[in-house]
Amino acid sequence: MPRYLMVISGIFIAALAAAQTARQGTAEEVPEAGTSFHSPMILETTFAPADRSLWVSDEWTPSDRRPWKSGTFTTAEYYALGKFSCDGLFFRNGNRNGSWNTGLLMKVKPKGATTEVTMIAEVTNPGTVHDKTATLLFEVLNGEEVIGTSTIRIKAKMNWRGRMADYDGETTFSVPTVALKQDPVTQLRITMTTQDY
């Protein structure tokens, strides 16, 4: 990639990183650093399915339009969520040489008055975190009104050799199509809790 494109991409991702917040779920505990939290950790970001332009797979191009070829998608905002950890588990896919892949993919299917949303979530155990179950509660919000909710439970084992491993889970739920807003944009709140098993 040319150097000027890398700089522009870095600026774009940095600008989007401000579009999400992370906070400690309980007031009694303060995070060790700006990105390390104890259970529960609450992440807040935009709900990407509210933007219909994202409802296409990577195979879609302006010259070869395939509206029937819907597939999974993600956003730079969801990629940026990978910097946050909860009790040592990261909400992302891997950490290779300081980078990672997104921990949240979505797929959308319109069904009349509702929109079916499939979410695939991944957590990474860097290898040294004791066996844990990560529970991800997803809440879709317009202001304070919850318009959809779903949960994914992921078992993330400790690797006895200390090697990093990725674990995933999937959920499908429906939201009213008319509730998907762009101004102000529909939000997604992710509450991540962990428990030893």
Protein backbone atom coordinates (compact mmCIF):
# COMPACT_ATOMS: atom_id res chain seq x y z
CA MET A 1 0.00 0.00 0.00
CA PRO A 2 1.46 3.44 -0.89
CA ARG A 3 2.67 5.42 2.12
CA TYR A 4 0.19 8.29 1.62
CA LEU A 5 -2.74 5.80 1.62
CA MET A 6 -1.43 4.25 4.85
CA VAL A 7 -1.35 7.71 6.47
CA ILE A 8 -4.87 8.51 5.25
CA SER A 9 -6.11 5.10 6.48
CA GLY A 10 -4.50 5.70 9.87
CA ILE A 11 -6.18 9.11 10.20
CA PHE A 12 -9.54 7.60 9.19
CA ILE A 13 -9.29 4.78 11.73
CA ALA A 14 -8.15 7.20 14.45
CA ALA A 15 -11.16 9.42 13.75
CA LEU A 16 -13.56 6.46 13.94
CA ALA A 17 -11.95 5.16 17.13
CA ALA A 18 -13.51 8.10 18.96
CA ALA A 19 -16.94 6.83 17.86
CA GLN A 20 -17.02 4.16 20.55
CA THR A 21 -16.61 4.24 24.30
CA ALA A 22 -15.60 1.69 26.89
CA ARG A 23 -16.30 1.86 30.59
CA GLN A 24 -16.23 -0.22 33.69
CA GLY A 25 -19.59 -1.81 34.36
CA THR A 26 -19.44 -1.29 38.12
CA ALA A 27 -18.51 1.94 39.88
CA GLU A 28 -16.52 0.13 42.60
CA GLU A 29 -13.69 -0.79 40.24
CA VAL A 30 -11.58 1.49 38.11
CA PRO A 31 -9.83 0.13 35.03
CA GLU A 32 -6.08 -0.53 35.34
CA ALA A 33 -5.45 1.34 32.10
CA GLY A 34 -7.61 2.98 29.49
CA THR A 35 -8.13 -0.32 27.67
CA SER A 36 -8.02 -3.00 30.41
CA PHE A 37 -11.21 -3.67 32.35
CA HIS A 38 -12.60 -6.12 34.88
CA SER A 39 -15.92 -7.86 34.38
CA PRO A 40 -18.33 -6.37 33.47
CA MET A 41 -16.97 -4.18 30.65
CA ILE A 42 -19.42 -2.04 28.68
CA LEU A 43 -18.66 -1.02 25.09
CA GLU A 44 -20.86 1.48 23.26
CA THR A 45 -20.73 2.11 19.51
CA THR A 46 -22.98 2.57 16.50
CA PHE A 47 -25.23 -0.23 15.25
CA ALA A 48 -23.86 -0.77 11.74
CA PRO A 49 -27.04 -2.36 10.26
CA ALA A 50 -28.71 1.07 10.55
CA ASP A 51 -26.58 2.00 7.49
CA ARG A 52 -28.14 0.12 4.55
CA SER A 53 -25.10 0.79 2.33
CA LEU A 54 -23.24 -1.85 4.37
CA TRP A 55 -25.73 -4.62 3.59
CA VAL A 56 -23.62 -6.11 0.80
CA SER A 57 -20.73 -8.53 0.69
CA ASP A 58 -17.20 -7.85 -0.51
CA GLU A 59 -18.24 -9.26 -3.90
CA TRP A 60 -20.43 -6.21 -4.59
CA THR A 61 -18.90 -3.41 -6.66
CA PRO A 62 -20.50 -0.34 -8.28
CA SER A 63 -19.92 -1.85 -11.73
CA ASP A 64 -21.17 -5.31 -10.72
CA ARG A 65 -24.12 -4.68 -8.43
CA ARG A 66 -25.39 -7.78 -6.67
CA PRO A 67 -27.99 -6.79 -4.10
CA TRP A 68 -28.88 -10.46 -3.64
CA LYS A 69 -25.28 -11.25 -2.60
CA SER A 70 -25.55 -10.14 0.97
CA GLY A 71 -22.80 -11.31 3.26
CA THR A 72 -20.98 -10.56 6.46
CA PHE A 73 -19.56 -7.10 7.01
CA THR A 74 -17.82 -5.10 9.69
CA THR A 75 -16.71 -1.51 10.24
CA ALA A 76 -13.56 0.29 11.32
CA GLU A 77 -15.39 1.10 14.58
CA TYR A 78 -15.85 -2.60 15.33
CA TYR A 79 -12.21 -3.24 14.49
CA ALA A 80 -11.21 -0.56 17.02
CA LEU A 81 -13.11 -2.42 19.78
CA GLY A 82 -10.29 -4.98 19.65
CA LYS A 83 -8.05 -2.77 21.77
CA PHE A 84 -10.23 -3.39 24.85
CA SER A 85 -9.85 -6.38 27.17
CA CYS A 86 -12.04 -7.77 29.95
CA ASP A 87 -10.21 -9.83 32.59
CA GLY A 88 -7.47 -10.44 30.02
CA LEU A 89 -9.73 -11.58 27.15
CA PHE A 90 -9.81 -9.34 24.07
CA PHE A 91 -12.90 -8.63 21.95
CA ARG A 92 -11.13 -9.41 18.66
CA ASN A 93 -9.65 -12.10 16.45
CA GLY A 94 -5.98 -12.58 17.21
CA ASN A 95 -3.01 -10.35 17.78
CA ARG A 96 -0.39 -10.89 15.17
CA ASN A 97 2.61 -8.57 15.38
CA GLY A 98 0.57 -5.90 17.15
CA SER A 99 -2.43 -5.98 14.81
CA TRP A 100 -5.63 -7.99 14.87
CA ASN A 101 -8.80 -8.74 12.92
CA THR A 102 -12.22 -7.49 13.91
CA GLY A 103 -14.06 -9.34 16.66
CA LEU A 104 -17.54 -8.52 15.34
CA LEU A 105 -19.05 -9.42 11.98
CA MET A 106 -22.68 -8.89 11.00
CA LYS A 107 -25.07 -10.12 8.35
CA VAL A 108 -28.46 -8.54 7.66
CA LYS A 109 -31.58 -10.01 6.06
CA PRO A 110 -34.76 -7.93 5.59
CA LYS A 111 -37.94 -9.85 6.47
CA GLY A 112 -40.95 -7.62 5.94
CA ALA A 113 -41.43 -5.29 8.89
CA THR A 114 -38.39 -6.72 10.69
CA THR A 115 -34.71 -7.00 9.92
CA GLU A 116 -32.92 -10.20 10.90
CA VAL A 117 -29.40 -9.55 12.17
CA THR A 118 -26.79 -12.28 12.57
CA MET A 119 -23.74 -11.40 14.65
CA ILE A 120 -20.53 -13.40 14.83
CA ALA A 121 -18.35 -12.40 17.77
CA GLU A 122 -14.81 -13.48 18.62
CA VAL A 123 -12.67 -13.23 21.72
CA THR A 124 -8.97 -13.89 21.98
CA ASN A 125 -7.29 -15.54 24.94
CA PRO A 126 -3.65 -14.40 24.77
CA GLY A 127 -2.83 -17.87 26.11
CA THR A 128 -2.23 -17.17 29.77
CA VAL A 129 -5.74 -16.31 30.97
CA HIS A 130 -7.42 -19.09 33.01
CA ASP A 131 -10.32 -20.91 31.27
CA LYS A 132 -13.21 -18.46 31.11
CA THR A 133 -16.69 -18.16 29.70
CA ALA A 134 -17.19 -14.75 28.11
CA THR A 135 -20.81 -13.65 27.94
CA LEU A 136 -21.56 -10.88 25.44
CA LEU A 137 -24.92 -9.13 25.90
CA PHE A 138 -25.84 -7.08 22.82
CA GLU A 139 -28.44 -4.33 23.21
CA VAL A 140 -29.64 -2.27 20.24
CA LEU A 141 -30.76 1.19 21.38
CA ASN A 142 -32.50 4.30 20.17
CA GLY A 143 -31.73 6.69 23.00
CA GLU A 144 -32.68 4.70 26.12
CA GLU A 145 -35.21 2.48 24.31
CA VAL A 146 -33.99 -1.08 23.76
CA ILE A 147 -35.25 -2.29 20.36
CA GLY A 148 -33.39 -5.60 20.24
CA THR A 149 -31.24 -7.81 22.42
CA SER A 150 -29.30 -11.05 22.19
CA THR A 151 -26.53 -12.94 23.99
CA ILE A 152 -23.52 -14.97 22.94
CA ARG A 153 -21.55 -17.20 25.34
CA ILE A 154 -18.01 -18.14 24.33
CA LYS A 155 -15.68 -20.53 26.14
CA ALA A 156 -12.08 -19.30 25.92
CA LYS A 157 -9.61 -21.92 27.15
CA MET A 158 -6.15 -21.23 28.50
CA ASN A 159 -3.44 -22.73 26.32
CA TRP A 160 -1.06 -24.83 28.40
CA ARG A 161 1.78 -23.69 26.12
CA GLY A 162 0.82 -20.05 26.56
CA ARG A 163 -0.20 -19.66 22.92
CA MET A 164 -2.89 -17.25 21.81
CA ALA A 165 -6.20 -18.76 20.65
CA ASP A 166 -9.40 -17.32 19.16
CA TYR A 167 -12.92 -18.47 20.04
CA ASP A 168 -16.21 -17.46 18.46
CA GLY A 169 -19.96 -17.60 18.83
CA GLU A 170 -22.99 -16.57 16.81
CA THR A 171 -26.48 -15.24 17.41
CA THR A 172 -29.44 -14.17 15.26
CA PHE A 173 -32.22 -11.83 16.35
CA SER A 174 -34.73 -9.43 14.78
CA VAL A 175 -35.32 -5.70 15.15
CA PRO A 176 -38.15 -3.58 13.68
CA THR A 177 -36.88 -2.15 10.39
CA VAL A 178 -38.43 1.27 11.06
CA ALA A 179 -36.43 1.46 14.30
CA LEU A 180 -33.10 1.49 12.44
CA LYS A 181 -32.25 5.21 12.50
CA GLN A 182 -29.40 7.20 11.00
CA ASP A 183 -30.11 10.56 12.68
CA PRO A 184 -29.42 10.11 15.50
CA VAL A 185 -27.86 6.77 14.65
CA THR A 186 -29.08 3.61 16.37
CA GLN A 187 -26.53 2.49 18.97
CA LEU A 188 -25.13 -0.85 20.11
CA ARG A 189 -24.21 -1.52 23.73
CA ILE A 190 -22.09 -4.61 24.40
CA THR A 191 -21.74 -5.78 27.98
CA MET A 192 -18.96 -8.34 28.35
CA THR A 193 -18.79 -10.41 31.51
CA THR A 194 -16.41 -13.27 32.29
CA GLN A 195 -16.51 -16.21 34.64
CA ASP A 196 -14.01 -18.99 35.36
CA TYR A 197 -15.12 -22.49 34.43
